[in-house]
C-alpha cells in the first residue's frame, strides 16, 4: 500500500501485481483524464468523489464504490476533503469482474474488506493464504452488491456542448431556446444518446447533484432550493422515489462498519 500525497505520480500498472491498493487524504484534487491497464475499485471513507467518464458522470459518497474497467478513460475530482481509497485489479488474473462501469452499495462487510485490501502491502501474496481468501470474499460481495442508479449518461452531440453540468438544467422549452433547436429535436438527441427523455435526464441530474451536496454536508433545505424544489417534502419525496431511501438514510445506511 502507498499512502500518497496530492501531487505524487503513481501508476499501478508498473508493479506487476494482480492487486494494488493505495490511500490518500485529498482536498480540491483533480486527477485529470487518465486510464489504467488495470481495473479500479474507487471509494472514499469520507467525502464525495465526482467521476467523469467518456459519456457518463457519477457522484460517489462514502456508502458507494465505483468499478472502472481497464482502459476506461476517467477523471476523479474532489471538491472537499476526501479520505480516498483505490484498489487496482489485473482482470487477466482476477476473473469475474464487471465489463462495464458500475456503482455499488457498500455493506459493512464489503467496506471492511475494501479497507483491508487498500491498505495491504504491495508485495502481498494474493494467489494463496489469507489474502487469497480475503480477495475471494471481496469478489463475492461485489457480485452480490446492489447496483445504484447514480450514473448519469451524457449526450455528446455538438449542439449541446455549452450545457453546464454544474447548474440545474432549465426546463425543456427554455433549454431548446438556448440551444437553438426545437423541443422535439432536443428530445430525440437525449433519447438517442442517453436512453432518457430530456425531463427524465434532468431528474437524474438532480439526483446526482443532490448526492454531491448532501455528501458535502449541505442541509436538506438548501439542497431542495438549489435543485428547484418547492419544498423540503417535495425534494424528500423525489429522492425516495429515485433511490428507495430518504436523503439521510441513503447517506448513513451501512456507513459504519460492524
Foldseek 3Di string as FASTA:
>chain_A
DEEDDLPDDDAPQVLPDQKAKYWYWDAQGKPPKDFHQWKKKKAFLAAKKWKDWPFKIFIHFRQKIKIGHHPTIMMIGGHGITGIMMMTGNCVVVDDDDPHIFMFGHALLLVVLRVVRNPDDSPDDCPDDPNVVSVVVNSVCVVVTDTALGMQGHQDDPLCVPPDLQAQDDPLVVVCVVSVHDSVVQQVSCCVRGVDGPVVSSLSSLQRVLLNCVSVPDDLQVSCVRNPHPGSVVVQVSNCVRGVDGSVCVNCPNSDHD
